[in-house]
Amino acid sequence: MSNNNYYFISFIFILFLFSACSNKATSDNGKKEENEPVLQTVSDQFETKDAKIRVAAERTDEYLHLLEGKKVALTVNHTSFVGDIHLVDFLISKGVDVKRIYAPEHGFRGQADAGATVKNGRDEKTGLPIISLYGKRKKPLPEDVEGIDFIIFDIQDVGARFYTYISTMHYVMEAAAENNIPVLILDRPNPNGHYIDGPILEDDFRSFVGMHKIPVVHGLTVAELAQMINGEKWLKNGVQCDLHFVKCENYTHNSSYVLPIKPSPNLPNMHSIYLYPSLCFFEGTDVNAGRGTEKQFQVYGHPSYPEKTFSYTPISRPGAKYPKHQNKECFGVDLSGEALHTLREQKKINLDYLIQFYHKFPNKNSFFLKNNFMDKLAGTDALRKDILAGKSEAEIRRSWKRGIDEYKLMREKYLLYAD
């Protein structure tokens, strides 16, 4: 074989390999599959259009000087990282006198089931005492804050009123105010911060899954919400805490931000985070919303649902030990294949998921749970009653408009970032 023929055949072979690799990235229907990051470890990269976003914890020059000579308590969990280092370890390495950790729902390491009691303990790595703020005690007791000079809150939120990390923040602020301890909020982007939607919480439906007179999707970062809680005097007896905060850098509410770590066991990826404000309402029904699967808050179903085109079987898993309809085949809907940009650009709670499932559900008397958990999630009983009355999504939405408009005016006073 001549050298020219050899080079020609080699060139053809290389082209073949390149073509095969390119085709591998294309699905059977000819569309390129979306490369959705899996939120599992801190080593995952920030895959975001706004690549220069820096969370507040990384802006160390803005807050380390405040902690010099102070005894510090941290309200943190598994999302509280400074680059590749947990905030607890980072502050200790910088000589900060960290005294204790306050743990929210899911615990300090973020592995406890939703709703499961989190116990007090000690961090195996540092030996620091961990005080649970999820269980019987949701607010730090006077002895929990005794001797503390500064409390830091640094937890990734997802922008929904019923996500309980913001309720923990409320109680930490309240305890701090009552004991004259300043609070520092290290802010993080809100992945659902680009829209506002849902009914405003009514006082009669206040609970740990809804403490503030804000919509379900509130369009605030935790630092902005902390300012609102303080400014509107929502803490007990109208007390206000000595509030400090560090902003994110290069963030706006319209930024497309992909979380580098899953914020809780049942929000494993950006599909679940975008769908959570809509699908969480199923938690107030007899419908399984994906707990006990690998597609939490991306699928929903029930054993008696009449349409049989899609099914799955919830099983006991870490983070969902006792899912609804465990070990039973559930029929329903799979949203995990929806394009991320489509879900994000909806910019609304999709009530159609809930309403259509209810209309097709065979036993409507058992659709909503008897404990009326739906009302706590919605912050009102109007949503449940409107669905029972057969109202359309458009009719229900119109009932939210006045409350949302009034909220938006109030919100403007507390914004730290442009919309």
Protein backbone atom coordinates (compact mmCIF):
# COMPACT_ATOMS: atom_id res chain seq x y z
CA MET A 1 0.00 0.00 0.00
CA SER A 2 1.38 3.44 -0.91
CA ASN A 3 1.78 6.16 1.71
CA ASN A 4 -0.89 8.26 -0.01
CA ASN A 5 -3.45 5.45 0.19
CA TYR A 6 -2.54 4.82 3.82
CA TYR A 7 -3.10 8.48 4.77
CA PHE A 8 -6.36 8.58 2.82
CA ILE A 9 -7.76 5.48 4.58
CA SER A 10 -6.64 6.87 7.97
CA PHE A 11 -8.40 10.14 7.23
CA ILE A 12 -11.65 8.32 6.32
CA PHE A 13 -11.42 6.25 9.52
CA ILE A 14 -11.03 9.39 11.66
CA LEU A 15 -14.07 10.96 9.97
CA PHE A 16 -16.06 7.81 10.70
CA LEU A 17 -15.14 7.92 14.40
CA PHE A 18 -16.05 11.60 14.61
CA SER A 19 -19.42 10.95 12.96
CA ALA A 20 -20.17 8.05 15.31
CA CYS A 21 -19.41 10.18 18.36
CA SER A 22 -21.62 12.98 17.07
CA ASN A 23 -24.49 10.60 16.40
CA LYS A 24 -24.21 9.15 19.89
CA ALA A 25 -25.18 12.57 21.30
CA THR A 26 -28.37 12.58 19.24
CA SER A 27 -31.54 10.82 20.30
CA ASP A 28 -33.53 8.44 18.09
CA ASN A 29 -35.90 11.21 17.01
CA GLY A 30 -33.01 13.27 15.69
CA LYS A 31 -33.11 15.91 18.43
CA LYS A 32 -30.04 16.61 20.52
CA GLU A 33 -30.61 15.48 24.07
CA GLU A 34 -30.46 18.21 26.71
CA ASN A 35 -27.38 17.98 28.90
CA GLU A 36 -29.03 18.41 32.28
CA PRO A 37 -26.62 18.51 35.22
CA VAL A 38 -27.29 16.11 38.07
CA LEU A 39 -27.14 17.93 41.38
CA GLN A 40 -25.26 15.47 43.54
CA THR A 41 -21.82 16.69 44.53
CA VAL A 42 -20.10 20.00 45.03
CA SER A 43 -17.63 19.06 42.29
CA ASP A 44 -20.36 19.57 39.67
CA GLN A 45 -19.66 22.77 37.75
CA PHE A 46 -21.91 25.82 37.66
CA GLU A 47 -23.51 25.35 34.24
CA THR A 48 -25.22 28.70 33.91
CA LYS A 49 -25.59 31.44 31.34
CA ASP A 50 -24.38 33.82 34.05
CA ALA A 51 -21.00 32.17 34.56
CA LYS A 52 -19.65 35.02 36.70
CA ILE A 53 -22.23 34.67 39.49
CA ARG A 54 -20.53 34.39 42.85
CA VAL A 55 -22.50 33.37 45.91
CA ALA A 56 -22.05 35.52 49.00
CA ALA A 57 -20.10 32.86 50.91
CA GLU A 58 -17.34 33.14 48.30
CA ARG A 59 -17.05 36.92 48.80
CA THR A 60 -15.03 36.47 51.95
CA ASP A 61 -13.63 40.01 52.03
CA GLU A 62 -17.19 41.22 52.63
CA TYR A 63 -17.77 39.39 55.90
CA LEU A 64 -14.73 37.76 57.52
CA HIS A 65 -13.79 40.99 59.28
CA LEU A 66 -17.22 41.05 60.96
CA LEU A 67 -16.44 37.75 62.68
CA GLU A 68 -13.07 38.64 64.19
CA GLY A 69 -13.09 37.94 67.91
CA LYS A 70 -16.70 36.76 67.78
CA LYS A 71 -18.25 33.49 68.96
CA VAL A 72 -20.23 32.33 65.96
CA ALA A 73 -23.16 29.95 65.36
CA LEU A 74 -24.01 28.75 61.86
CA THR A 75 -27.40 27.89 60.38
CA VAL A 76 -26.17 25.70 57.53
CA ASN A 77 -26.65 22.41 55.73
CA HIS A 78 -25.04 20.38 52.95
CA THR A 79 -25.43 23.27 50.44
CA SER A 80 -23.33 25.71 52.47
CA PHE A 81 -20.11 25.58 50.50
CA VAL A 82 -17.37 28.09 49.75
CA GLY A 83 -16.04 26.68 46.49
CA ASP A 84 -15.14 23.08 47.36
CA ILE A 85 -15.05 23.62 51.14
CA HIS A 86 -17.98 23.56 53.54
CA LEU A 87 -18.52 26.92 55.24
CA VAL A 88 -17.98 25.35 58.69
CA ASP A 89 -14.56 24.01 57.71
CA PHE A 90 -13.66 27.18 55.83
CA LEU A 91 -14.40 29.50 58.75
CA ILE A 92 -12.52 27.29 61.20
CA SER A 93 -9.52 27.30 58.84
CA LYS A 94 -9.64 31.10 58.93
CA GLY A 95 -9.53 31.17 62.72
CA VAL A 96 -13.22 32.00 63.25
CA ASP A 97 -14.47 30.78 66.64
CA VAL A 98 -17.37 28.57 65.52
CA LYS A 99 -19.31 27.31 68.55
CA ARG A 100 -22.33 25.44 67.22
CA ILE A 101 -24.43 24.49 64.22
CA TYR A 102 -28.20 24.90 63.80
CA ALA A 103 -29.62 22.26 61.42
CA PRO A 104 -32.83 22.72 59.34
CA GLU A 105 -35.15 20.11 57.80
CA HIS A 106 -33.18 17.22 56.26
CA GLY A 107 -30.38 17.81 58.77
CA PHE A 108 -26.86 19.20 58.63
CA ARG A 109 -25.80 16.70 55.96
CA GLY A 110 -29.13 16.91 54.09
CA GLN A 111 -30.00 13.21 54.20
CA ALA A 112 -33.11 13.07 56.44
CA ASP A 113 -36.53 12.38 54.95
CA ALA A 114 -38.93 15.24 54.36
CA GLY A 115 -40.86 15.73 57.60
CA ALA A 116 -38.58 13.41 59.58
CA THR A 117 -37.47 14.61 63.00
CA VAL A 118 -33.85 15.75 62.96
CA LYS A 119 -32.00 14.95 66.17
CA ASN A 120 -29.36 16.89 68.04
CA GLY A 121 -25.84 15.54 67.79
CA ARG A 122 -22.24 16.36 67.03
CA ASP A 123 -20.46 16.85 63.74
CA GLU A 124 -18.07 13.92 63.35
CA LYS A 125 -15.45 16.02 61.57
CA THR A 126 -15.26 19.07 63.83
CA GLY A 127 -16.89 17.84 67.04
CA LEU A 128 -19.19 20.88 67.02
CA PRO A 129 -22.61 20.46 68.64
CA ILE A 130 -25.49 20.29 66.17
CA ILE A 131 -28.81 21.69 67.39
CA SER A 132 -31.81 20.53 65.41
CA LEU A 133 -34.31 23.16 64.34
CA TYR A 134 -36.62 20.60 62.77
CA GLY A 135 -38.82 18.51 65.03
CA LYS A 136 -40.35 19.67 68.29
CA ARG A 137 -37.91 22.60 68.47
CA LYS A 138 -38.02 24.84 65.41
CA LYS A 139 -36.71 27.96 67.13
CA PRO A 140 -33.43 28.21 69.04
CA LEU A 141 -33.98 28.31 72.81
CA PRO A 142 -32.22 30.92 74.95
CA GLU A 143 -29.66 28.28 75.98
CA ASP A 144 -29.04 27.48 72.29
CA VAL A 145 -27.86 31.02 71.62
CA GLU A 146 -26.19 31.64 74.98
CA GLY A 147 -22.67 33.02 74.56
CA ILE A 148 -23.10 33.57 70.80
CA ASP A 149 -22.02 36.92 69.33
CA PHE A 150 -23.04 36.37 65.70
CA ILE A 151 -25.37 33.99 63.83
CA ILE A 152 -24.79 33.20 60.16
CA PHE A 153 -27.47 31.84 57.82
CA ASP A 154 -26.20 30.28 54.58
CA ILE A 155 -28.57 27.75 52.96
CA GLN A 156 -29.61 27.32 49.33
CA ASP A 157 -33.33 28.03 48.84
CA VAL A 158 -35.51 27.31 45.78
CA GLY A 159 -37.97 30.21 45.96
CA ALA A 160 -41.16 28.46 47.07
CA ARG A 161 -43.01 29.55 50.23
CA PHE A 162 -43.52 25.98 51.41
CA TYR A 163 -39.80 25.12 51.25
CA THR A 164 -39.04 25.14 54.97
CA TYR A 165 -35.51 26.57 55.02
CA ILE A 166 -37.00 30.08 55.00
CA SER A 167 -39.19 29.19 57.99
CA THR A 168 -36.04 28.14 59.85
CA MET A 169 -34.48 31.48 58.90
CA HIS A 170 -37.51 33.26 60.37
CA TYR A 171 -37.16 31.53 63.73
CA VAL A 172 -33.39 32.08 63.83
CA MET A 173 -33.94 35.79 63.20
CA GLU A 174 -36.59 35.87 65.92
CA ALA A 175 -34.39 34.18 68.51
CA ALA A 176 -31.52 36.48 67.58
CA ALA A 177 -33.70 39.58 67.93
CA GLU A 178 -34.95 38.47 71.35
CA ASN A 179 -31.38 37.91 72.54
CA ASN A 180 -29.73 40.94 70.89
CA ILE A 181 -27.55 38.88 68.55
CA PRO A 182 -26.80 40.14 65.03
CA VAL A 183 -27.60 37.90 62.06
CA LEU A 184 -25.56 37.67 58.86
CA ILE A 185 -27.29 36.31 55.74
CA LEU A 186 -24.90 34.98 53.11
CA ASP A 187 -27.10 35.19 50.04
CA ARG A 188 -27.50 32.66 47.23
CA PRO A 189 -29.38 32.92 43.91
CA ASN A 190 -33.03 31.92 43.71
CA PRO A 191 -33.41 29.44 40.80
CA ASN A 192 -37.12 30.33 40.63
CA GLY A 193 -36.53 34.03 41.20
CA HIS A 194 -37.58 35.07 37.69
CA TYR A 195 -41.35 35.06 38.38
CA ILE A 196 -43.98 35.57 41.08
CA ASP A 197 -47.14 33.47 41.29
CA GLY A 198 -49.71 31.83 43.54
CA PRO A 199 -52.13 32.84 46.27
CA ILE A 200 -51.02 35.05 49.16
CA LEU A 201 -50.89 33.26 52.52
CA GLU A 202 -53.89 33.95 54.77
CA ASP A 203 -53.33 34.22 58.53
CA ASP A 204 -55.59 31.28 59.37
CA PHE A 205 -53.40 28.93 57.32
CA ARG A 206 -50.03 29.92 58.74
CA SER A 207 -47.78 26.92 59.45
CA PHE A 208 -44.16 25.83 59.14
CA VAL A 209 -44.77 25.23 55.41
CA GLY A 210 -46.05 28.79 55.07
CA MET A 211 -45.26 31.54 57.57
CA HIS A 212 -45.31 34.75 55.57
CA LYS A 213 -47.93 36.77 53.68
CA ILE A 214 -46.24 36.19 50.35
CA PRO A 215 -47.20 34.22 47.20
CA VAL A 216 -46.21 30.58 46.78
CA VAL A 217 -43.47 31.69 44.36
CA HIS A 218 -42.18 34.89 45.92
CA GLY A 219 -39.34 36.02 43.64
CA LEU A 220 -36.90 36.82 46.46
CA THR A 221 -33.52 35.60 47.58
CA VAL A 222 -33.20 34.68 51.25
CA ALA A 223 -31.48 38.00 52.03
CA GLU A 224 -34.31 39.95 50.38
CA LEU A 225 -36.90 37.90 52.24
CA ALA A 226 -35.03 38.44 55.53
CA GLN A 227 -35.23 42.18 54.92
CA MET A 228 -38.96 41.87 54.26
CA ILE A 229 -39.53 39.81 57.43
CA ASN A 230 -37.65 42.44 59.42
CA GLY A 231 -39.14 45.46 57.69
CA GLU A 232 -42.74 44.26 57.85
CA LYS A 233 -42.28 43.30 61.52
CA TRP A 234 -43.38 39.71 60.95
CA LEU A 235 -41.28 38.39 63.83
CA LYS A 236 -43.09 37.67 67.10
CA ASN A 237 -44.26 40.85 68.87
CA GLY A 238 -42.90 42.90 65.99
CA VAL A 239 -39.26 42.56 67.10
CA GLN A 240 -36.57 43.30 64.55
CA CYS A 241 -33.14 41.72 64.44
CA ASP A 242 -29.82 43.40 63.77
CA LEU A 243 -29.64 42.16 60.19
CA HIS A 244 -26.55 42.08 57.99
CA PHE A 245 -26.19 40.50 54.57
CA VAL A 246 -23.71 39.91 51.78
CA LYS A 247 -25.10 39.97 48.23
CA CYS A 248 -24.34 37.61 45.38
CA GLU A 249 -22.16 39.07 42.68
CA ASN A 250 -23.37 39.45 39.08
CA TYR A 251 -26.83 38.05 39.83
CA THR A 252 -30.24 39.36 38.79
CA HIS A 253 -33.64 37.77 39.33
CA ASN A 254 -33.68 36.86 35.66
CA SER A 255 -30.36 35.01 35.85
CA SER A 256 -30.41 31.38 34.76
CA TYR A 257 -28.66 29.67 37.64
CA VAL A 258 -28.07 25.93 37.95
CA LEU A 259 -27.55 24.73 41.49
CA PRO A 260 -24.26 22.84 41.99
CA ILE A 261 -25.67 20.71 44.85
CA LYS A 262 -29.16 19.28 45.17
CA PRO A 263 -30.85 21.38 47.87
CA SER A 264 -32.74 18.44 49.46
CA PRO A 265 -33.08 14.69 48.89
CA ASN A 266 -36.18 14.96 46.70
CA LEU A 267 -35.04 17.81 44.46
CA PRO A 268 -32.30 15.99 42.51
CA ASN A 269 -32.00 18.19 39.40
CA MET A 270 -33.18 21.37 37.72
CA HIS A 271 -36.27 19.68 36.27
CA SER A 272 -37.49 18.97 39.80
CA ILE A 273 -36.60 22.48 40.99
CA TYR A 274 -38.54 24.17 38.19
CA LEU A 275 -41.52 21.82 38.59
CA TYR A 276 -41.57 21.86 42.40
CA PRO A 277 -43.84 24.93 42.84
CA SER A 278 -46.47 23.24 40.64
CA LEU A 279 -46.16 19.59 41.67
CA CYS A 280 -45.78 20.16 45.41
CA PHE A 281 -49.56 20.67 45.60
CA PHE A 282 -49.90 16.92 44.99
CA GLU A 283 -48.41 16.47 48.48
CA GLY A 284 -51.82 17.58 49.76
CA THR A 285 -53.56 14.85 47.77
CA ASP A 286 -53.54 11.07 47.54
CA VAL A 287 -51.31 11.34 44.46
CA ASN A 288 -47.65 10.34 44.57
CA ALA A 289 -45.41 13.13 43.23
CA GLY A 290 -42.40 10.98 42.46
CA ARG A 291 -41.17 10.31 45.99
CA GLY A 292 -39.73 6.83 46.11
CA THR A 293 -38.42 7.10 42.53
CA GLU A 294 -35.40 8.66 40.85
CA LYS A 295 -37.68 11.29 39.29
CA GLN A 296 -38.94 13.10 42.37
CA PHE A 297 -41.21 16.05 41.48
CA GLN A 298 -40.93 15.14 37.81
CA VAL A 299 -43.59 12.42 37.68
CA TYR A 300 -46.92 12.00 39.42
CA GLY A 301 -49.43 9.19 39.57
CA HIS A 302 -51.86 6.96 41.44
CA PRO A 303 -52.72 3.24 41.27
CA SER A 304 -56.32 3.95 40.19
CA TYR A 305 -55.60 6.64 37.58
CA PRO A 306 -57.49 5.58 34.43
CA GLU A 307 -54.89 6.48 31.80
CA LYS A 308 -52.30 3.69 31.57
CA THR A 309 -49.76 5.09 29.09
CA PHE A 310 -47.13 5.74 31.78
CA SER A 311 -46.47 3.99 35.08
CA TYR A 312 -43.90 3.70 37.83
CA THR A 313 -43.63 1.99 41.21
CA PRO A 314 -42.52 4.00 44.27
CA ILE A 315 -40.21 2.08 46.61
CA SER A 316 -38.52 2.91 49.90
CA ARG A 317 -35.40 4.97 49.20
CA PRO A 318 -33.05 7.24 51.15
CA GLY A 319 -34.94 10.51 51.62
CA ALA A 320 -38.29 8.75 51.05
CA LYS A 321 -38.58 5.76 53.34
CA TYR A 322 -42.37 5.56 53.18
CA PRO A 323 -43.56 7.08 49.91
CA LYS A 324 -47.24 7.21 49.03
CA HIS A 325 -48.43 3.96 47.41
CA GLN A 326 -45.17 2.22 48.19
CA ASN A 327 -44.58 -0.91 46.05
CA LYS A 328 -47.76 -0.24 44.04
CA GLU A 329 -47.79 0.51 40.33
CA CYS A 330 -48.87 4.11 39.82
CA PHE A 331 -50.25 5.40 36.52
CA GLY A 332 -49.88 9.03 35.61
CA VAL A 333 -47.70 11.63 33.92
CA ASP A 334 -43.96 11.90 33.24
CA LEU A 335 -42.61 15.46 32.85
CA SER A 336 -38.94 14.53 33.11
CA GLY A 337 -38.47 14.79 29.35
CA GLU A 338 -39.69 18.38 29.11
CA ALA A 339 -37.05 20.83 27.91
CA LEU A 340 -35.57 22.82 30.79
CA HIS A 341 -35.85 26.13 28.97
CA THR A 342 -39.56 25.43 28.35
CA LEU A 343 -40.21 24.76 32.04
CA ARG A 344 -38.27 27.86 33.07
CA GLU A 345 -39.96 30.13 30.57
CA GLN A 346 -43.48 29.17 31.69
CA LYS A 347 -42.98 31.68 34.51
CA LYS A 348 -46.03 30.44 36.37
CA ILE A 349 -47.39 27.70 38.57
CA ASN A 350 -48.96 25.20 36.19
CA LEU A 351 -52.32 24.44 37.78
CA ASP A 352 -53.33 22.33 34.81
CA TYR A 353 -51.36 19.36 36.20
CA LEU A 354 -53.47 19.35 39.36
CA ILE A 355 -56.83 20.23 37.83
CA GLN A 356 -56.66 17.70 34.97
CA PHE A 357 -55.57 14.90 37.28
CA TYR A 358 -58.47 15.69 39.62
CA HIS A 359 -60.98 15.65 36.75
CA LYS A 360 -59.79 12.20 35.64
CA PHE A 361 -59.42 10.81 39.16
CA PRO A 362 -62.06 8.09 39.75
CA ASN A 363 -62.75 8.67 43.46
CA LYS A 364 -62.89 12.43 43.90
CA ASN A 365 -63.89 12.19 47.55
CA SER A 366 -60.46 10.78 48.39
CA PHE A 367 -58.39 13.05 46.13
CA PHE A 368 -57.56 15.69 48.76
CA LEU A 369 -56.14 14.41 52.04
CA LYS A 370 -58.52 14.65 54.98
CA ASN A 371 -55.96 16.58 57.03
CA ASN A 372 -56.33 19.49 54.56
CA PHE A 373 -52.58 19.70 54.03
CA MET A 374 -53.44 21.22 50.66
CA ASP A 375 -54.70 24.33 52.46
CA LYS A 376 -51.41 24.72 54.32
CA LEU A 377 -49.43 24.39 51.10
CA ALA A 378 -51.66 26.87 49.27
CA GLY A 379 -51.91 29.18 52.30
CA THR A 380 -55.67 29.29 51.78
CA ASP A 381 -58.60 26.90 51.42
CA ALA A 382 -59.77 28.72 48.30
CA LEU A 383 -57.64 26.69 45.88
CA ARG A 384 -59.01 23.36 47.10
CA LYS A 385 -62.58 24.67 47.10
CA ASP A 386 -62.20 26.18 43.62
CA ILE A 387 -61.00 22.87 42.20
CA LEU A 388 -63.87 21.02 43.88
CA ALA A 389 -66.25 23.59 42.37
CA GLY A 390 -64.90 22.89 38.88
CA LYS A 391 -63.34 26.31 38.29
CA SER A 392 -60.85 26.64 35.45
CA GLU A 393 -57.20 27.56 35.80
CA ALA A 394 -57.94 31.00 34.33
CA GLU A 395 -60.71 31.64 36.88
CA ILE A 396 -58.48 30.59 39.77
CA ARG A 397 -55.64 32.75 38.51
CA ARG A 398 -57.85 35.83 38.38
CA SER A 399 -58.53 35.40 42.09
CA TRP A 400 -54.79 35.73 42.77
CA LYS A 401 -54.19 38.92 40.78
CA ARG A 402 -55.02 41.58 43.37
CA GLY A 403 -52.92 39.92 46.07
CA ILE A 404 -49.96 39.50 43.73
CA ASP A 405 -50.15 43.12 42.56
CA GLU A 406 -50.15 44.38 46.16
CA TYR A 407 -47.29 42.06 47.06
CA LYS A 408 -45.18 43.29 44.14
CA LEU A 409 -45.46 46.86 45.39
CA MET A 410 -44.32 45.81 48.87
CA ARG A 411 -41.54 43.66 47.41
CA GLU A 412 -39.92 46.61 45.66
CA LYS A 413 -38.79 48.05 49.02
CA TYR A 414 -36.63 45.03 49.77
CA LEU A 415 -35.01 44.16 46.46
CA LEU A 416 -31.22 43.82 46.33
CA TYR A 417 -31.09 42.75 42.69
CA ALA A 418 -32.69 43.90 39.44
CA ASP A 419 -35.56 41.90 37.94
